[in-house]
Amino acid sequence: MTGSENRKAFLGVRFDCCRVYVRIYKNKAGTAYVGHCPRCARRVVIPIGAGGSSDRFFVVR
């Protein structure tokens, strides 16, 4: 296994509420990326599915 295969898949998310950037990771079922703002605990869920986006970075407003 190479180093890139051993890494967890993530999305970069900037929370405008508190102006912070975090990585969010896939849930155990592999159906969505789930995370929260480390300051105010605002939750974000980005589903994984056909016809979705190929973007790796998002802004949560």
N, C-alpha and C. Protein backbone atom coordinates (compact mmCIF):
# COMPACT_ATOMS: atom_id res chain seq x y z
N MET A 1 0.85 -1.18 0.00
CA MET A 1 0.00 0.00 0.00
C MET A 1 0.90 1.24 0.00
N THR A 2 0.62 2.17 -0.90
CA THR A 2 1.40 3.40 -0.94
C THR A 2 0.83 4.41 0.04
N GLY A 3 1.57 5.48 0.27
CA GLY A 3 1.14 6.51 1.22
C GLY A 3 -0.19 7.14 0.85
N SER A 4 -0.44 7.37 -0.44
CA SER A 4 -1.69 8.02 -0.85
C SER A 4 -2.90 7.10 -0.67
N GLU A 5 -2.72 5.79 -0.74
CA GLU A 5 -3.82 4.85 -0.54
C GLU A 5 -4.17 4.72 0.94
N ASN A 6 -3.24 5.05 1.80
CA ASN A 6 -3.42 4.90 3.23
C ASN A 6 -4.10 6.12 3.87
N ARG A 7 -4.26 7.21 3.14
CA ARG A 7 -4.83 8.43 3.67
C ARG A 7 -6.36 8.40 3.62
N LYS A 8 -6.98 9.09 4.59
CA LYS A 8 -8.44 9.19 4.62
C LYS A 8 -8.89 10.27 3.65
N ALA A 9 -9.98 10.01 2.95
CA ALA A 9 -10.55 11.01 2.04
C ALA A 9 -11.16 12.14 2.85
N PHE A 10 -10.95 13.38 2.38
CA PHE A 10 -11.49 14.53 3.10
C PHE A 10 -11.91 15.62 2.13
N LEU A 11 -12.71 16.55 2.64
CA LEU A 11 -13.06 17.78 1.93
C LEU A 11 -12.59 18.94 2.79
N GLY A 12 -12.16 20.01 2.15
CA GLY A 12 -11.81 21.23 2.87
C GLY A 12 -13.04 22.11 2.98
N VAL A 13 -13.33 22.59 4.18
CA VAL A 13 -14.52 23.41 4.40
C VAL A 13 -14.13 24.66 5.17
N ARG A 14 -14.58 25.81 4.66
CA ARG A 14 -14.39 27.07 5.38
C ARG A 14 -15.74 27.47 5.95
N PHE A 15 -15.81 27.59 7.28
CA PHE A 15 -17.03 28.02 7.95
C PHE A 15 -17.00 29.53 8.07
N ASP A 16 -17.89 30.20 7.33
CA ASP A 16 -17.95 31.67 7.38
C ASP A 16 -18.42 32.17 8.74
N CYS A 17 -19.18 31.35 9.47
CA CYS A 17 -19.71 31.76 10.77
C CYS A 17 -18.59 32.20 11.72
N CYS A 18 -17.49 31.47 11.71
CA CYS A 18 -16.38 31.76 12.63
C CYS A 18 -15.06 31.97 11.90
N ARG A 19 -15.12 32.00 10.58
CA ARG A 19 -13.94 32.22 9.74
C ARG A 19 -12.82 31.23 10.05
N VAL A 20 -13.16 29.94 10.01
CA VAL A 20 -12.17 28.89 10.23
C VAL A 20 -12.25 27.85 9.11
N TYR A 21 -11.11 27.23 8.83
CA TYR A 21 -11.00 26.19 7.82
C TYR A 21 -10.76 24.86 8.54
N VAL A 22 -11.48 23.82 8.13
CA VAL A 22 -11.28 22.48 8.69
C VAL A 22 -11.38 21.45 7.57
N ARG A 23 -10.92 20.27 7.86
CA ARG A 23 -11.13 19.12 6.99
C ARG A 23 -12.28 18.32 7.56
N ILE A 24 -13.16 17.85 6.69
CA ILE A 24 -14.21 16.93 7.14
C ILE A 24 -14.01 15.61 6.41
N TYR A 25 -14.38 14.54 7.07
CA TYR A 25 -14.09 13.19 6.57
C TYR A 25 -15.37 12.41 6.31
N LYS A 26 -15.23 11.33 5.53
CA LYS A 26 -16.36 10.46 5.22
C LYS A 26 -16.87 9.79 6.50
N ASN A 27 -18.20 9.59 6.54
CA ASN A 27 -18.76 8.83 7.66
C ASN A 27 -18.42 7.35 7.47
N LYS A 28 -18.68 6.55 8.47
CA LYS A 28 -18.32 5.12 8.40
C LYS A 28 -19.02 4.39 7.28
N ALA A 29 -20.25 4.80 6.95
CA ALA A 29 -21.01 4.15 5.88
C ALA A 29 -20.51 4.57 4.50
N GLY A 30 -19.73 5.64 4.43
CA GLY A 30 -19.22 6.12 3.14
C GLY A 30 -20.26 6.84 2.30
N THR A 31 -21.33 7.32 2.93
CA THR A 31 -22.42 7.95 2.19
C THR A 31 -22.36 9.48 2.20
N ALA A 32 -21.52 10.06 3.06
CA ALA A 32 -21.46 11.52 3.17
C ALA A 32 -20.19 11.94 3.89
N TYR A 33 -19.82 13.19 3.66
CA TYR A 33 -18.76 13.83 4.45
C TYR A 33 -19.45 14.59 5.56
N VAL A 34 -18.99 14.41 6.80
CA VAL A 34 -19.66 15.00 7.96
C VAL A 34 -18.62 15.71 8.82
N GLY A 35 -18.99 16.90 9.31
CA GLY A 35 -18.10 17.63 10.20
C GLY A 35 -18.83 18.76 10.89
N HIS A 36 -18.07 19.55 11.63
CA HIS A 36 -18.67 20.67 12.35
C HIS A 36 -17.63 21.79 12.54
N CYS A 37 -18.12 22.99 12.77
CA CYS A 37 -17.27 24.15 13.05
C CYS A 37 -16.65 23.92 14.43
N PRO A 38 -15.34 24.07 14.54
CA PRO A 38 -14.70 23.83 15.84
C PRO A 38 -14.99 24.90 16.88
N ARG A 39 -15.54 26.03 16.46
CA ARG A 39 -15.82 27.11 17.42
C ARG A 39 -17.28 27.13 17.87
N CYS A 40 -18.22 27.06 16.92
CA CYS A 40 -19.64 27.18 17.29
C CYS A 40 -20.41 25.86 17.14
N ALA A 41 -19.76 24.82 16.64
CA ALA A 41 -20.32 23.47 16.48
C ALA A 41 -21.38 23.37 15.39
N ARG A 42 -21.44 24.35 14.48
CA ARG A 42 -22.37 24.24 13.36
C ARG A 42 -22.02 22.99 12.56
N ARG A 43 -23.01 22.17 12.27
CA ARG A 43 -22.80 20.88 11.60
C ARG A 43 -22.99 21.02 10.10
N VAL A 44 -22.21 20.25 9.35
CA VAL A 44 -22.37 20.20 7.90
C VAL A 44 -22.31 18.74 7.46
N VAL A 45 -23.21 18.40 6.53
CA VAL A 45 -23.24 17.06 5.93
C VAL A 45 -23.27 17.25 4.43
N ILE A 46 -22.29 16.70 3.73
CA ILE A 46 -22.22 16.78 2.27
C ILE A 46 -22.37 15.37 1.73
N PRO A 47 -23.54 15.06 1.14
CA PRO A 47 -23.79 13.69 0.66
C PRO A 47 -22.90 13.32 -0.52
N ILE A 48 -22.63 12.03 -0.65
CA ILE A 48 -21.86 11.48 -1.75
C ILE A 48 -22.84 10.75 -2.66
N GLY A 49 -22.80 11.05 -3.95
CA GLY A 49 -23.72 10.36 -4.86
C GLY A 49 -23.46 10.71 -6.30
N ALA A 50 -24.14 10.01 -7.17
CA ALA A 50 -24.03 10.25 -8.61
C ALA A 50 -24.53 11.65 -8.95
N GLY A 51 -23.88 12.28 -9.90
CA GLY A 51 -24.29 13.61 -10.32
C GLY A 51 -23.85 14.70 -9.36
N GLY A 52 -22.96 14.37 -8.43
CA GLY A 52 -22.49 15.32 -7.44
C GLY A 52 -21.38 16.21 -8.00
N SER A 53 -20.68 16.84 -7.14
CA SER A 53 -19.62 17.77 -7.50
C SER A 53 -18.25 17.10 -7.38
N SER A 54 -17.32 17.53 -8.21
CA SER A 54 -15.95 17.04 -8.09
C SER A 54 -15.09 18.01 -7.28
N ASP A 55 -15.69 19.08 -6.77
CA ASP A 55 -14.96 20.05 -5.96
C ASP A 55 -14.48 19.41 -4.66
N ARG A 56 -13.35 19.87 -4.17
CA ARG A 56 -12.77 19.35 -2.93
C ARG A 56 -12.81 20.37 -1.80
N PHE A 57 -13.20 21.63 -2.11
CA PHE A 57 -13.24 22.70 -1.12
C PHE A 57 -14.58 23.41 -1.18
N PHE A 58 -15.15 23.70 -0.01
CA PHE A 58 -16.48 24.31 0.07
C PHE A 58 -16.49 25.41 1.12
N VAL A 59 -17.44 26.34 0.98
CA VAL A 59 -17.68 27.39 1.97
C VAL A 59 -19.07 27.18 2.53
N VAL A 60 -19.17 27.11 3.86
CA VAL A 60 -20.45 26.95 4.54
C VAL A 60 -20.85 28.31 5.07
N ARG A 61 -22.01 28.78 4.66
CA ARG A 61 -22.48 30.11 5.08
C ARG A 61 -23.67 29.99 5.98
